[in-house]
């Protein structure tokens, strides 16, 4: 067993990248050197005897444990993009607006035989994303710092999927149409409904087909001994517009 690993107890979990030093938890202090020689599924105790389970760091931990700069696209929206665009595991993907790298990481994970080119203009966000890609052990993400339009101009290959989560996304739509393969998809994420409508209209003017615009809501269940009901919390984060080049 090598780091990174996750120490988990109920709703609490901690990502461990080195087996040295001390980890201060809600239930006491853990000596990380005690992880050496242990296996996944074993437990480790805090100084007051509370046990944490040792589990692998995997896809489900990306959202919980990645460092963040920009507000990330949530897994529910990432899943919708993957499903509705029909992502295949050997795709060439152009991701404009890396942010913290959440979306690019999930796309790369499910695109094991393909490549993801992700572009971020802000160096501070790109640095955070680069750390997250390394943490996840992703080898098929190619990170570029710069203007997305200028970067796209440098590619002669055509892409299977273009994903936008960036300012001035409507300005990139004609370029997305240009760099996509016939049958390729463009997915645009926006946190506000008015820009999403504008994206839809501009994609229509650029003759994208099979256009659809939607939001994905997550409503948690509050499960107690007396019964189960929907939680008062509703997870809304943004709007997605998807279209194809034909």
Protein backbone atom coordinates (compact mmCIF):
# COMPACT_ATOMS: atom_id res chain seq x y z
CA UNK A 1 0.00 0.00 0.00
CA UNK A 2 1.39 3.36 -1.07
CA UNK A 3 0.04 6.87 -0.59
CA UNK A 4 -2.25 8.53 -1.30
CA UNK A 5 -4.81 6.71 0.82
CA UNK A 6 -7.99 7.80 2.54
CA UNK A 7 -8.77 7.41 6.23
CA UNK A 8 -12.52 7.17 6.59
CA UNK A 9 -15.00 7.20 9.47
CA UNK A 10 -18.63 7.89 8.63
CA UNK A 11 -18.94 11.33 7.06
CA UNK A 12 -15.37 12.21 7.99
CA UNK A 13 -12.46 11.33 5.72
CA UNK A 14 -8.89 12.51 5.27
CA UNK A 15 -6.55 12.16 2.32
CA UNK A 16 -3.05 11.06 3.32
CA UNK A 17 -0.20 11.70 0.88
CA UNK A 18 2.74 10.80 3.15
CA UNK A 19 3.14 8.21 5.88
CA UNK A 20 4.89 10.53 8.29
CA UNK A 21 3.94 13.17 10.83
CA UNK A 22 0.66 13.57 12.68
CA UNK A 23 -2.89 13.93 11.41
CA UNK A 24 -5.27 15.90 13.62
CA UNK A 25 -8.84 14.65 13.20
CA UNK A 26 -12.21 15.30 14.83
CA UNK A 27 -11.55 12.22 16.98
CA UNK A 28 -7.95 12.71 18.02
CA UNK A 29 -4.45 12.50 16.58
CA UNK A 30 -3.21 9.75 14.24
CA UNK A 31 0.47 8.84 13.92
CA UNK A 32 0.78 8.44 10.14
CA UNK A 33 3.91 6.30 10.41
CA UNK A 34 1.63 3.55 11.78
CA UNK A 35 0.16 3.20 8.28
CA UNK A 36 3.33 1.51 7.09
CA UNK A 37 2.75 -2.21 6.82
CA UNK A 38 -1.03 -1.91 6.89
CA UNK A 39 -3.37 -2.86 4.04
CA UNK A 40 -6.59 -1.50 2.62
CA UNK A 41 -9.46 -2.53 4.84
CA UNK A 42 -7.35 -2.34 8.01
CA UNK A 43 -8.02 0.25 10.68
CA UNK A 44 -5.84 2.76 12.47
CA UNK A 45 -6.62 4.33 15.85
CA UNK A 46 -6.32 7.90 17.07
CA UNK A 47 -4.57 8.61 20.37
CA UNK A 48 -7.93 8.28 22.15
CA UNK A 49 -8.77 4.94 20.52
CA UNK A 50 -11.20 5.99 17.75
CA UNK A 51 -10.80 3.83 14.63
CA UNK A 52 -10.53 5.00 11.03
CA UNK A 53 -10.80 2.62 8.09
CA UNK A 54 -7.97 2.65 5.51
CA UNK A 55 -9.40 2.77 1.97
CA UNK A 56 -7.99 3.50 -1.52
CA UNK A 57 -8.15 6.97 -3.04
CA UNK A 58 -10.26 6.62 -6.18
CA UNK A 59 -12.67 8.41 -8.47
CA UNK A 60 -15.30 8.99 -5.79
CA UNK A 61 -12.72 10.91 -3.78
CA UNK A 62 -11.85 13.45 -6.47
CA UNK A 63 -14.64 15.85 -5.55
CA UNK A 64 -14.14 15.48 -1.81
CA UNK A 65 -10.36 15.71 -1.66
CA UNK A 66 -9.17 17.80 -4.61
CA UNK A 67 -7.86 21.23 -3.73
CA UNK A 68 -10.03 24.02 -5.07
CA UNK A 69 -9.48 27.44 -6.56
CA UNK A 70 -12.41 28.06 -8.85
CA UNK A 71 -15.83 26.62 -7.95
CA UNK A 72 -15.82 23.11 -9.44
CA UNK A 73 -18.44 21.47 -11.62
CA UNK A 74 -20.22 18.94 -9.41
CA UNK A 75 -20.22 15.17 -10.09
CA UNK A 76 -23.96 15.17 -10.90
CA UNK A 77 -23.33 17.62 -13.75
CA UNK A 78 -20.15 15.86 -14.86
CA UNK A 79 -22.08 12.61 -15.05
CA UNK A 80 -24.73 14.27 -17.20
CA UNK A 81 -22.10 15.62 -19.60
CA UNK A 82 -20.50 12.19 -19.93
CA UNK A 83 -23.84 10.43 -20.44
CA UNK A 84 -25.54 12.91 -22.78
CA UNK A 85 -22.53 13.44 -25.02
CA UNK A 86 -21.93 9.69 -25.27
CA UNK A 87 -18.27 9.90 -24.27
CA UNK A 88 -16.30 6.89 -25.45
CA UNK A 89 -13.08 5.73 -23.71
CA UNK A 90 -10.86 6.62 -26.68
CA UNK A 91 -11.90 10.23 -27.24
CA UNK A 92 -9.89 13.36 -27.92
CA UNK A 93 -11.35 16.07 -25.65
CA UNK A 94 -10.81 19.83 -25.51
CA UNK A 95 -11.67 21.28 -22.09
CA UNK A 96 -11.67 25.09 -21.95
CA UNK A 97 -11.61 26.51 -18.44
CA UNK A 98 -9.70 24.03 -16.29
CA UNK A 99 -10.40 25.73 -12.97
CA UNK A 100 -9.48 23.28 -10.23
CA UNK A 101 -9.37 20.43 -12.76
CA UNK A 102 -12.43 18.58 -11.47
CA UNK A 103 -14.18 18.14 -14.82
CA UNK A 104 -10.96 17.38 -16.70
CA UNK A 105 -10.03 14.73 -14.13
CA UNK A 106 -13.34 12.89 -14.43
CA UNK A 107 -13.23 13.09 -18.22
CA UNK A 108 -9.68 11.72 -18.24
CA UNK A 109 -10.60 8.90 -15.85
CA UNK A 110 -13.45 7.68 -18.07
CA UNK A 111 -11.42 8.35 -21.22
CA UNK A 112 -8.68 5.84 -20.40
CA UNK A 113 -7.54 5.24 -23.99
CA UNK A 114 -7.93 8.83 -25.12
CA UNK A 115 -6.53 12.25 -24.30
CA UNK A 116 -7.83 15.38 -22.59
CA UNK A 117 -6.39 18.79 -23.51
CA UNK A 118 -7.37 21.26 -20.80
CA UNK A 119 -6.73 25.00 -21.06
CA UNK A 120 -6.70 27.57 -18.26
CA UNK A 121 -5.73 31.21 -18.61
CA UNK A 122 -5.19 31.85 -14.89
CA UNK A 123 -1.87 30.53 -13.63
CA UNK A 124 -3.00 30.22 -10.00
CA UNK A 125 -5.88 27.92 -10.97
CA UNK A 126 -3.67 25.92 -13.32
CA UNK A 127 -1.23 25.27 -10.48
CA UNK A 128 -3.99 23.85 -8.28
CA UNK A 129 -5.30 21.69 -11.13
CA UNK A 130 -1.82 20.36 -11.90
CA UNK A 131 -1.47 19.20 -8.30
CA UNK A 132 -4.87 17.50 -8.47
CA UNK A 133 -4.02 15.67 -11.72
CA UNK A 134 -0.81 14.38 -10.15
CA UNK A 135 -2.65 13.32 -7.01
CA UNK A 136 -5.14 11.33 -9.09
CA UNK A 137 -2.33 9.68 -11.06
CA UNK A 138 -3.80 10.78 -14.39
CA UNK A 139 -1.40 10.43 -17.33
CA UNK A 140 -3.74 11.37 -20.18
CA UNK A 141 -4.37 15.02 -19.26
CA UNK A 142 -2.36 17.65 -21.13
CA UNK A 143 -2.54 20.98 -19.36
CA UNK A 144 -1.94 24.25 -21.21
CA UNK A 145 -1.89 27.74 -19.70
CA UNK A 146 -3.18 30.35 -22.12
CA UNK A 147 -6.10 31.70 -24.11
CA UNK A 148 -8.40 28.89 -25.26
CA UNK A 149 -8.98 30.32 -28.75
CA UNK A 150 -5.27 30.76 -29.39
CA UNK A 151 -4.54 27.26 -28.11
CA UNK A 152 -7.29 25.76 -30.27
CA UNK A 153 -5.83 27.49 -33.33
CA UNK A 154 -2.64 25.49 -32.82
CA UNK A 155 -4.33 22.10 -33.19
CA UNK A 156 -4.73 20.39 -36.54
CA UNK A 157 -6.56 17.38 -35.11
CA UNK A 158 -10.32 17.28 -34.71
CA UNK A 159 -11.89 16.64 -31.31
CA UNK A 160 -14.65 14.25 -30.30
CA UNK A 161 -15.83 16.48 -27.47
CA UNK A 162 -15.41 20.14 -26.52
CA UNK A 163 -16.41 21.26 -23.03
CA UNK A 164 -16.62 24.91 -21.97
CA UNK A 165 -16.72 26.25 -18.41
CA UNK A 166 -15.27 29.70 -18.97
CA UNK A 167 -16.01 33.39 -19.34
CA UNK A 168 -16.88 34.54 -22.86
CA UNK A 169 -17.96 31.01 -23.75
CA UNK A 170 -20.17 32.27 -26.58
CA UNK A 171 -17.11 33.73 -28.29
CA UNK A 172 -15.59 30.25 -28.39
CA UNK A 173 -18.61 28.51 -29.92
CA UNK A 174 -17.64 29.12 -33.59
CA UNK A 175 -14.14 27.83 -32.81
CA UNK A 176 -15.63 24.76 -31.13
CA UNK A 177 -17.62 24.06 -34.29
CA UNK A 178 -14.42 24.34 -36.31
CA UNK A 179 -12.31 21.93 -34.21
CA UNK A 180 -15.00 19.28 -33.67
CA UNK A 181 -15.32 16.12 -35.74
CA UNK A 182 -18.56 15.55 -37.59
CA UNK A 183 -20.79 13.97 -34.97
CA UNK A 184 -18.73 15.48 -32.15
CA UNK A 185 -20.43 17.20 -29.22
CA UNK A 186 -20.11 20.59 -27.55
CA UNK A 187 -21.14 20.85 -23.88
CA UNK A 188 -21.29 24.25 -22.18
CA UNK A 189 -21.71 24.71 -18.43
CA UNK A 190 -23.02 27.95 -16.90
CA UNK A 191 -23.93 28.83 -13.30
CA UNK A 192 -26.66 31.25 -14.46
CA UNK A 193 -29.71 30.71 -16.65
CA UNK A 194 -29.44 33.87 -18.80
CA UNK A 195 -25.96 33.03 -20.15
CA UNK A 196 -27.12 29.45 -20.74
CA UNK A 197 -29.99 30.75 -22.91
CA UNK A 198 -27.55 32.92 -24.85
CA UNK A 199 -25.28 29.91 -25.38
CA UNK A 200 -28.24 27.93 -26.72
CA UNK A 201 -29.13 30.70 -29.17
CA UNK A 202 -25.55 31.14 -30.40
CA UNK A 203 -25.12 27.38 -30.83
CA UNK A 204 -28.34 27.33 -32.85
CA UNK A 205 -27.06 30.16 -35.09
CA UNK A 206 -23.85 28.17 -35.60
CA UNK A 207 -25.97 25.21 -36.77
CA UNK A 208 -25.33 22.83 -33.89
CA UNK A 209 -27.91 20.04 -33.98
CA UNK A 210 -29.78 18.00 -31.36
CA UNK A 211 -29.63 20.98 -29.01
CA UNK A 212 -30.76 20.50 -25.44
CA UNK A 213 -30.52 22.70 -22.36
CA UNK A 214 -31.21 21.45 -18.84
CA UNK A 215 -30.29 21.49 -15.18
CA UNK A 216 -29.69 18.55 -12.87
CA UNK A 217 -31.02 18.79 -9.32
CA UNK A 218 -29.90 16.61 -6.43
CA UNK A 219 -32.25 16.25 -3.48
CA UNK A 220 -30.88 14.30 -0.53
CA UNK A 221 -32.98 12.01 1.65
CA UNK A 222 -33.19 12.59 5.39
CA UNK A 223 -33.30 9.04 6.77
CA UNK A 224 -34.24 8.66 10.43
CA UNK A 225 -35.73 5.97 12.64
CA UNK A 226 -39.21 7.53 12.47
CA UNK A 227 -39.21 7.68 8.68
CA UNK A 228 -37.66 9.04 5.51
CA UNK A 229 -38.31 12.38 3.83
CA UNK A 230 -36.59 14.67 1.38
CA UNK A 231 -34.00 16.96 2.87
CA UNK A 232 -34.52 20.71 2.86
CA UNK A 233 -31.28 21.06 0.91
CA UNK A 234 -31.48 21.14 -2.89
CA UNK A 235 -28.21 20.91 -4.81
CA UNK A 236 -28.46 23.23 -7.81
CA UNK A 237 -25.22 24.40 -9.35
CA UNK A 238 -25.70 25.26 -13.00
CA UNK A 239 -27.13 24.77 -16.46
CA UNK A 240 -25.82 22.60 -19.27
CA UNK A 241 -26.29 23.12 -23.02
CA UNK A 242 -25.28 20.32 -25.39
CA UNK A 243 -25.28 20.16 -29.18
CA UNK A 244 -23.67 18.20 -32.02
CA UNK A 245 -21.84 19.10 -35.19
CA UNK A 246 -23.44 17.61 -38.31
